[in-house]
Amino acid sequence: MLNALQVITTVLVGLMVGVEFSVAFVINPILNALPEDSGQLGRSHGGRMLGALMPVWYITSLALAAAWAVAGWDNPGTGLVVIAAALLIISVIMSILLLVPINNRGKTWTPENRPEDWKEQMNRWDRFHYVRVAVIIAAFTLLVAALAS
């Protein structure tokens, strides 16, 4: 049972890292290069779509990592899982305090109602997102290392 929990947790966090990495380094650069209002409209749509999915994914990943740490408390590598769970907590806190407020504004924007500083707000979101991606990559790396220990 513990083996299944370890694999499911690692795969789920790995997929989350892949999605968030793709948003940071593929999707948003593509959207930023689109002409006129297309990029802003794409980011608004992405904010609505991923804004509904990602909270569930982050919380589920954290819950699974915590369950792994509890279920495998006496196993080698549990310390790595605990640190990974702590990093996932940091990513959730970052999301709630820094990224979600900007996303909640941005997902409602259209070319007609967006604020003057919308690009600056999107750039701020991107900077926070880069940090969050680094945090979840570190968490994923620790989970993989825990599997190998």
N, C-alpha and C. Protein backbone atom coordinates (compact mmCIF):
# COMPACT_ATOMS: atom_id res chain seq x y z
N MET A 1 0.82 -1.20 0.00
CA MET A 1 0.00 0.00 0.00
C MET A 1 0.86 1.26 0.00
N LEU A 2 1.94 1.24 0.82
CA LEU A 2 2.84 2.40 0.87
C LEU A 2 3.48 2.64 -0.49
N ASN A 3 3.86 1.56 -1.17
CA ASN A 3 4.47 1.71 -2.50
C ASN A 3 3.53 2.42 -3.47
N ALA A 4 2.27 2.05 -3.45
CA ALA A 4 1.29 2.69 -4.33
C ALA A 4 1.15 4.17 -3.98
N LEU A 5 1.10 4.49 -2.70
CA LEU A 5 1.00 5.88 -2.26
C LEU A 5 2.22 6.67 -2.73
N GLN A 6 3.40 6.08 -2.60
CA GLN A 6 4.62 6.76 -3.03
C GLN A 6 4.61 7.06 -4.53
N VAL A 7 4.21 6.06 -5.31
CA VAL A 7 4.19 6.23 -6.77
C VAL A 7 3.13 7.24 -7.17
N ILE A 8 1.94 7.13 -6.63
CA ILE A 8 0.86 8.07 -6.98
C ILE A 8 1.24 9.49 -6.61
N THR A 9 1.80 9.67 -5.43
CA THR A 9 2.21 11.01 -5.00
C THR A 9 3.27 11.58 -5.92
N THR A 10 4.28 10.78 -6.22
CA THR A 10 5.38 11.25 -7.06
C THR A 10 4.89 11.58 -8.47
N VAL A 11 4.06 10.75 -9.02
CA VAL A 11 3.53 11.01 -10.37
C VAL A 11 2.66 12.27 -10.37
N LEU A 12 1.78 12.40 -9.38
CA LEU A 12 0.89 13.56 -9.32
C LEU A 12 1.68 14.86 -9.18
N VAL A 13 2.68 14.86 -8.30
CA VAL A 13 3.50 16.06 -8.13
C VAL A 13 4.34 16.31 -9.39
N GLY A 14 4.85 15.26 -10.00
CA GLY A 14 5.61 15.42 -11.23
C GLY A 14 4.78 16.00 -12.36
N LEU A 15 3.56 15.55 -12.49
CA LEU A 15 2.68 16.11 -13.52
C LEU A 15 2.38 17.58 -13.23
N MET A 16 2.17 17.90 -11.95
CA MET A 16 1.91 19.30 -11.57
C MET A 16 3.11 20.17 -11.93
N VAL A 17 4.31 19.67 -11.64
CA VAL A 17 5.52 20.41 -12.01
C VAL A 17 5.56 20.63 -13.52
N GLY A 18 5.23 19.60 -14.28
CA GLY A 18 5.25 19.73 -15.74
C GLY A 18 4.28 20.78 -16.24
N VAL A 19 3.08 20.80 -15.69
CA VAL A 19 2.09 21.80 -16.10
C VAL A 19 2.57 23.19 -15.75
N GLU A 20 3.02 23.37 -14.51
CA GLU A 20 3.43 24.70 -14.07
C GLU A 20 4.69 25.17 -14.80
N PHE A 21 5.62 24.25 -15.07
CA PHE A 21 6.81 24.59 -15.85
C PHE A 21 6.39 25.03 -17.26
N SER A 22 5.47 24.29 -17.84
CA SER A 22 4.98 24.62 -19.18
C SER A 22 4.31 25.99 -19.21
N VAL A 23 3.52 26.30 -18.19
CA VAL A 23 2.88 27.62 -18.12
C VAL A 23 3.96 28.71 -18.10
N ALA A 24 4.97 28.51 -17.24
CA ALA A 24 6.00 29.53 -17.07
C ALA A 24 6.88 29.72 -18.30
N PHE A 25 7.29 28.62 -18.92
CA PHE A 25 8.33 28.70 -19.93
C PHE A 25 7.89 28.40 -21.35
N VAL A 26 6.61 28.01 -21.53
CA VAL A 26 6.10 27.74 -22.87
C VAL A 26 4.84 28.55 -23.15
N ILE A 27 3.78 28.32 -22.37
CA ILE A 27 2.48 28.92 -22.66
C ILE A 27 2.52 30.45 -22.55
N ASN A 28 2.96 30.97 -21.40
CA ASN A 28 2.95 32.42 -21.23
C ASN A 28 3.86 33.14 -22.22
N PRO A 29 5.06 32.64 -22.52
CA PRO A 29 5.84 33.30 -23.57
C PRO A 29 5.14 33.30 -24.93
N ILE A 30 4.44 32.22 -25.25
CA ILE A 30 3.69 32.19 -26.50
C ILE A 30 2.58 33.25 -26.46
N LEU A 31 1.82 33.27 -25.36
CA LEU A 31 0.74 34.25 -25.24
C LEU A 31 1.26 35.67 -25.29
N ASN A 32 2.41 35.93 -24.65
CA ASN A 32 2.99 37.27 -24.64
C ASN A 32 3.43 37.72 -26.03
N ALA A 33 3.71 36.78 -26.92
CA ALA A 33 4.17 37.13 -28.27
C ALA A 33 3.02 37.31 -29.26
N LEU A 34 1.80 37.00 -28.85
CA LEU A 34 0.67 37.14 -29.77
C LEU A 34 0.33 38.61 -30.00
N PRO A 35 -0.22 38.92 -31.16
CA PRO A 35 -0.52 40.32 -31.48
C PRO A 35 -1.76 40.85 -30.75
N GLU A 36 -1.75 42.14 -30.57
CA GLU A 36 -2.88 42.90 -30.04
C GLU A 36 -3.40 42.33 -28.73
N ASP A 37 -4.69 42.05 -28.64
CA ASP A 37 -5.30 41.62 -27.39
C ASP A 37 -5.33 40.11 -27.21
N SER A 38 -4.80 39.36 -28.16
CA SER A 38 -4.89 37.90 -28.10
C SER A 38 -4.22 37.32 -26.87
N GLY A 39 -3.04 37.82 -26.53
CA GLY A 39 -2.31 37.30 -25.38
C GLY A 39 -3.05 37.53 -24.08
N GLN A 40 -3.60 38.71 -23.91
CA GLN A 40 -4.35 39.01 -22.69
C GLN A 40 -5.60 38.16 -22.60
N LEU A 41 -6.29 37.97 -23.70
CA LEU A 41 -7.47 37.12 -23.71
C LEU A 41 -7.11 35.66 -23.39
N GLY A 42 -5.98 35.20 -23.93
CA GLY A 42 -5.52 33.84 -23.64
C GLY A 42 -5.15 33.66 -22.19
N ARG A 43 -4.50 34.65 -21.61
CA ARG A 43 -4.13 34.56 -20.20
C ARG A 43 -5.37 34.59 -19.32
N SER A 44 -6.35 35.38 -19.68
CA SER A 44 -7.59 35.40 -18.90
C SER A 44 -8.28 34.04 -18.95
N HIS A 45 -8.34 33.45 -20.12
CA HIS A 45 -8.96 32.13 -20.25
C HIS A 45 -8.16 31.09 -19.47
N GLY A 46 -6.84 31.13 -19.61
CA GLY A 46 -6.00 30.21 -18.86
C GLY A 46 -6.16 30.39 -17.35
N GLY A 47 -6.31 31.63 -16.91
CA GLY A 47 -6.53 31.90 -15.49
C GLY A 47 -7.82 31.29 -14.98
N ARG A 48 -8.86 31.33 -15.81
CA ARG A 48 -10.13 30.72 -15.41
C ARG A 48 -10.02 29.20 -15.39
N MET A 49 -9.42 28.64 -16.43
CA MET A 49 -9.34 27.19 -16.55
C MET A 49 -8.41 26.58 -15.50
N LEU A 50 -7.18 27.03 -15.47
CA LEU A 50 -6.22 26.49 -14.51
C LEU A 50 -6.50 26.96 -13.09
N GLY A 51 -7.11 28.13 -12.96
CA GLY A 51 -7.47 28.62 -11.63
C GLY A 51 -8.49 27.73 -10.94
N ALA A 52 -9.26 27.00 -11.71
CA ALA A 52 -10.23 26.06 -11.13
C ALA A 52 -9.58 24.72 -10.81
N LEU A 53 -8.60 24.31 -11.59
CA LEU A 53 -7.98 22.99 -11.45
C LEU A 53 -6.83 22.97 -10.45
N MET A 54 -5.97 23.96 -10.50
CA MET A 54 -4.71 23.89 -9.75
C MET A 54 -4.89 23.88 -8.23
N PRO A 55 -5.84 24.59 -7.64
CA PRO A 55 -5.97 24.49 -6.18
C PRO A 55 -6.21 23.05 -5.71
N VAL A 56 -7.04 22.33 -6.42
CA VAL A 56 -7.31 20.93 -6.08
C VAL A 56 -6.04 20.11 -6.23
N TRP A 57 -5.30 20.35 -7.28
CA TRP A 57 -4.07 19.61 -7.54
C TRP A 57 -3.02 19.87 -6.46
N TYR A 58 -2.85 21.14 -6.08
CA TYR A 58 -1.87 21.49 -5.05
C TYR A 58 -2.24 20.87 -3.70
N ILE A 59 -3.49 21.00 -3.31
CA ILE A 59 -3.93 20.47 -2.01
C ILE A 59 -3.84 18.94 -2.00
N THR A 60 -4.25 18.30 -3.08
CA THR A 60 -4.17 16.84 -3.16
C THR A 60 -2.71 16.38 -3.09
N SER A 61 -1.83 17.06 -3.78
CA SER A 61 -0.40 16.72 -3.72
C SER A 61 0.13 16.84 -2.31
N LEU A 62 -0.23 17.91 -1.64
CA LEU A 62 0.21 18.12 -0.26
C LEU A 62 -0.35 17.03 0.66
N ALA A 63 -1.63 16.71 0.51
CA ALA A 63 -2.26 15.68 1.35
C ALA A 63 -1.61 14.32 1.13
N LEU A 64 -1.31 14.00 -0.11
CA LEU A 64 -0.66 12.71 -0.40
C LEU A 64 0.76 12.67 0.16
N ALA A 65 1.50 13.77 0.05
CA ALA A 65 2.85 13.80 0.62
C ALA A 65 2.79 13.65 2.14
N ALA A 66 1.83 14.30 2.77
CA ALA A 66 1.67 14.17 4.22
C ALA A 66 1.30 12.74 4.59
N ALA A 67 0.41 12.13 3.82
CA ALA A 67 0.04 10.74 4.09
C ALA A 67 1.24 9.81 3.93
N TRP A 68 2.06 10.05 2.92
CA TRP A 68 3.27 9.27 2.70
C TRP A 68 4.20 9.40 3.91
N ALA A 69 4.37 10.64 4.39
CA ALA A 69 5.26 10.86 5.53
C ALA A 69 4.76 10.12 6.77
N VAL A 70 3.47 10.13 7.00
CA VAL A 70 2.89 9.45 8.16
C VAL A 70 2.98 7.93 7.99
N ALA A 71 2.57 7.45 6.82
CA ALA A 71 2.54 6.00 6.59
C ALA A 71 3.93 5.38 6.57
N GLY A 72 4.91 6.15 6.14
CA GLY A 72 6.25 5.61 6.04
C GLY A 72 7.21 6.18 7.06
N TRP A 73 6.67 6.59 8.20
CA TRP A 73 7.46 7.31 9.20
C TRP A 73 8.78 6.63 9.55
N ASP A 74 8.81 5.32 9.64
CA ASP A 74 10.02 4.60 10.04
C ASP A 74 10.92 4.23 8.86
N ASN A 75 10.53 4.59 7.67
CA ASN A 75 11.30 4.21 6.48
C ASN A 75 12.40 5.22 6.18
N PRO A 76 13.47 4.75 5.53
CA PRO A 76 14.49 5.70 5.08
C PRO A 76 13.88 6.67 4.07
N GLY A 77 14.31 7.88 4.09
CA GLY A 77 13.82 8.86 3.13
C GLY A 77 12.62 9.65 3.61
N THR A 78 12.08 9.30 4.77
CA THR A 78 10.90 10.02 5.25
C THR A 78 11.21 11.48 5.53
N GLY A 79 12.42 11.76 5.98
CA GLY A 79 12.81 13.15 6.20
C GLY A 79 12.72 13.96 4.92
N LEU A 80 13.09 13.35 3.80
CA LEU A 80 12.98 14.03 2.51
C LEU A 80 11.52 14.30 2.16
N VAL A 81 10.65 13.36 2.48
CA VAL A 81 9.22 13.53 2.20
C VAL A 81 8.65 14.66 3.06
N VAL A 82 9.08 14.73 4.32
CA VAL A 82 8.61 15.80 5.21
C VAL A 82 9.05 17.16 4.67
N ILE A 83 10.29 17.26 4.21
CA ILE A 83 10.77 18.52 3.63
C ILE A 83 9.99 18.84 2.35
N ALA A 84 9.74 17.82 1.53
CA ALA A 84 8.95 18.03 0.31
C ALA A 84 7.56 18.54 0.66
N ALA A 85 6.93 17.95 1.68
CA ALA A 85 5.60 18.41 2.11
C ALA A 85 5.67 19.86 2.59
N ALA A 86 6.74 20.20 3.31
CA ALA A 86 6.90 21.59 3.77
C ALA A 86 7.02 22.54 2.58
N LEU A 87 7.74 22.12 1.55
CA LEU A 87 7.84 22.96 0.34
C LEU A 87 6.49 23.07 -0.36
N LEU A 88 5.72 22.00 -0.36
CA LEU A 88 4.38 22.08 -0.95
C LEU A 88 3.49 23.02 -0.15
N ILE A 89 3.66 23.05 1.18
CA ILE A 89 2.92 24.01 2.00
C ILE A 89 3.32 25.43 1.61
N ILE A 90 4.61 25.66 1.43
CA ILE A 90 5.08 26.98 1.00
C ILE A 90 4.46 27.35 -0.34
N SER A 91 4.38 26.40 -1.26
CA SER A 91 3.80 26.70 -2.59
C SER A 91 2.32 27.05 -2.47
N VAL A 92 1.61 26.38 -1.57
CA VAL A 92 0.19 26.70 -1.36
C VAL A 92 0.05 28.10 -0.75
N ILE A 93 0.87 28.40 0.24
CA ILE A 93 0.82 29.73 0.87
C ILE A 93 1.15 30.81 -0.14
N MET A 94 2.21 30.58 -0.94
CA MET A 94 2.56 31.54 -2.00
C MET A 94 1.39 31.75 -2.95
N SER A 95 0.75 30.65 -3.32
CA SER A 95 -0.37 30.73 -4.25
C SER A 95 -1.48 31.59 -3.68
N ILE A 96 -1.86 31.30 -2.44
CA ILE A 96 -2.98 32.01 -1.81
C ILE A 96 -2.67 33.49 -1.61
N LEU A 97 -1.47 33.78 -1.14
CA LEU A 97 -1.13 35.17 -0.79
C LEU A 97 -0.68 36.01 -1.98
N LEU A 98 0.00 35.39 -2.94
CA LEU A 98 0.63 36.18 -4.00
C LEU A 98 0.02 35.99 -5.37
N LEU A 99 -0.22 34.76 -5.76
CA LEU A 99 -0.64 34.50 -7.14
C LEU A 99 -2.14 34.54 -7.36
N VAL A 100 -2.91 33.96 -6.44
CA VAL A 100 -4.36 33.91 -6.62
C VAL A 100 -5.00 35.30 -6.70
N PRO A 101 -4.59 36.25 -5.86
CA PRO A 101 -5.22 37.58 -6.00
C PRO A 101 -5.02 38.20 -7.39
N ILE A 102 -3.83 38.05 -7.94
CA ILE A 102 -3.59 38.59 -9.29
C ILE A 102 -4.39 37.79 -10.31
N ASN A 103 -4.38 36.46 -10.18
CA ASN A 103 -5.13 35.62 -11.11
C ASN A 103 -6.63 35.93 -11.06
N ASN A 104 -7.16 36.15 -9.86
CA ASN A 104 -8.60 36.44 -9.75
C ASN A 104 -8.97 37.73 -10.45
N ARG A 105 -8.08 38.70 -10.43
CA ARG A 105 -8.34 39.93 -11.19
C ARG A 105 -8.19 39.66 -12.68
N GLY A 106 -7.08 39.03 -13.06
CA GLY A 106 -6.76 38.84 -14.47
C GLY A 106 -7.74 37.98 -15.23
N LYS A 107 -8.35 37.03 -14.56
CA LYS A 107 -9.26 36.14 -15.29
C LYS A 107 -10.57 36.83 -15.68
N THR A 108 -10.81 38.00 -15.14
CA THR A 108 -12.03 38.74 -15.49
C THR A 108 -11.77 39.82 -16.53
N TRP A 109 -10.53 40.04 -16.87
CA TRP A 109 -10.19 41.14 -17.77
C TRP A 109 -10.54 40.83 -19.22
N THR A 110 -10.98 41.87 -19.87
CA THR A 110 -11.17 41.88 -21.32
C THR A 110 -10.43 43.12 -21.82
N PRO A 111 -10.27 43.25 -23.13
CA PRO A 111 -9.62 44.48 -23.62
C PRO A 111 -10.38 45.75 -23.23
N GLU A 112 -11.65 45.61 -22.95
CA GLU A 112 -12.46 46.78 -22.60
C GLU A 112 -12.36 47.17 -21.12
N ASN A 113 -12.08 46.21 -20.23
CA ASN A 113 -12.14 46.54 -18.81
C ASN A 113 -10.82 46.36 -18.06
N ARG A 114 -9.78 45.96 -18.75
CA ARG A 114 -8.51 45.73 -18.05
C ARG A 114 -7.91 47.04 -17.57
N PRO A 115 -7.17 46.98 -16.46
CA PRO A 115 -6.57 48.21 -15.94
C PRO A 115 -5.36 48.64 -16.78
N GLU A 116 -4.95 49.86 -16.58
CA GLU A 116 -3.79 50.39 -17.30
C GLU A 116 -2.53 49.57 -17.04
N ASP A 117 -2.38 49.09 -15.81
CA ASP A 117 -1.16 48.37 -15.42
C ASP A 117 -1.29 46.86 -15.57
N TRP A 118 -2.14 46.38 -16.44
CA TRP A 118 -2.38 44.94 -16.54
C TRP A 118 -1.11 44.18 -16.89
N LYS A 119 -0.26 44.74 -17.75
CA LYS A 119 0.98 44.04 -18.11
C LYS A 119 1.92 43.94 -16.91
N GLU A 120 2.00 44.99 -16.12
CA GLU A 120 2.83 44.95 -14.92
C GLU A 120 2.31 43.91 -13.94
N GLN A 121 0.98 43.80 -13.81
CA GLN A 121 0.41 42.78 -12.92
C GLN A 121 0.70 41.37 -13.43
N MET A 122 0.63 41.18 -14.74
CA MET A 122 0.95 39.87 -15.31
C MET A 122 2.44 39.55 -15.13
N ASN A 123 3.30 40.55 -15.28
CA ASN A 123 4.73 40.34 -15.06
C ASN A 123 5.01 39.99 -13.60
N ARG A 124 4.31 40.62 -12.67
CA ARG A 124 4.45 40.30 -11.24
C ARG A 124 4.01 38.86 -11.00
N TRP A 125 2.86 38.47 -11.59
CA TRP A 125 2.40 37.09 -11.45
C TRP A 125 3.46 36.12 -11.98
N ASP A 126 4.04 36.45 -13.14
CA ASP A 126 5.06 35.58 -13.73
C ASP A 126 6.26 35.43 -12.80
N ARG A 127 6.72 36.52 -12.19
CA ARG A 127 7.88 36.44 -11.29
C ARG A 127 7.57 35.56 -10.08
N PHE A 128 6.39 35.74 -9.48
CA PHE A 128 6.01 34.89 -8.36
C PHE A 128 5.89 33.43 -8.81
N HIS A 129 5.37 33.23 -10.00
CA HIS A 129 5.18 31.88 -10.52
C HIS A 129 6.53 31.19 -10.73
N TYR A 130 7.55 31.91 -11.22
CA TYR A 130 8.88 31.31 -11.39
C TYR A 130 9.39 30.78 -10.06
N VAL A 131 9.20 31.55 -9.00
CA VAL A 131 9.64 31.10 -7.67
C VAL A 131 8.85 29.87 -7.25
N ARG A 132 7.52 29.91 -7.46
CA ARG A 132 6.70 28.75 -7.09
C ARG A 132 7.11 27.51 -7.87
N VAL A 133 7.42 27.66 -9.13
CA VAL A 133 7.89 26.52 -9.94
C VAL A 133 9.17 25.95 -9.35
N ALA A 134 10.10 26.81 -8.95
CA ALA A 134 11.34 26.33 -8.34
C ALA A 134 11.05 25.57 -7.05
N VAL A 135 10.10 26.05 -6.26
CA VAL A 135 9.74 25.38 -5.01
C VAL A 135 9.16 24.00 -5.27
N ILE A 136 8.25 23.89 -6.23
CA ILE A 136 7.63 22.58 -6.47
C ILE A 136 8.59 21.63 -7.19
N ILE A 137 9.53 22.16 -7.98
CA ILE A 137 10.56 21.30 -8.56
C ILE A 137 11.42 20.71 -7.43
N ALA A 138 11.76 21.54 -6.45
CA ALA A 138 12.54 21.04 -5.31
C ALA A 138 11.75 19.98 -4.56
N ALA A 139 10.46 20.19 -4.35
CA ALA A 139 9.63 19.20 -3.66
C ALA A 139 9.59 17.89 -4.45
N PHE A 140 9.41 17.99 -5.74
CA PHE A 140 9.38 16.79 -6.60
C PHE A 140 10.71 16.05 -6.54
N THR A 141 11.79 16.78 -6.60
CA THR A 141 13.12 16.17 -6.54
C THR A 141 13.31 15.42 -5.23
N LEU A 142 12.86 16.00 -4.13
CA LEU A 142 12.97 15.33 -2.83
C LEU A 142 12.12 14.06 -2.78
N LEU A 143 10.93 14.11 -3.38
CA LEU A 143 10.09 12.91 -3.42
C LEU A 143 10.75 11.79 -4.21
N VAL A 144 11.36 12.15 -5.34
CA VAL A 144 12.06 11.15 -6.14
C VAL A 144 13.24 10.58 -5.37
N ALA A 145 13.98 11.45 -4.68
CA ALA A 145 15.11 10.99 -3.87
C ALA A 145 14.64 10.08 -2.75
N ALA A 146 13.49 10.38 -2.17
CA ALA A 146 12.94 9.53 -1.10
C ALA A 146 12.58 8.15 -1.64
N LEU A 147 12.08 8.10 -2.86
CA LEU A 147 11.78 6.81 -3.48
C LEU A 147 13.04 5.97 -3.65
N ALA A 148 14.14 6.64 -3.93
CA ALA A 148 15.40 5.94 -4.21
C ALA A 148 16.14 5.54 -2.92
N SER A 149 15.69 6.06 -1.78
CA SER A 149 16.43 5.76 -0.54
C SER A 149 15.91 4.53 0.16
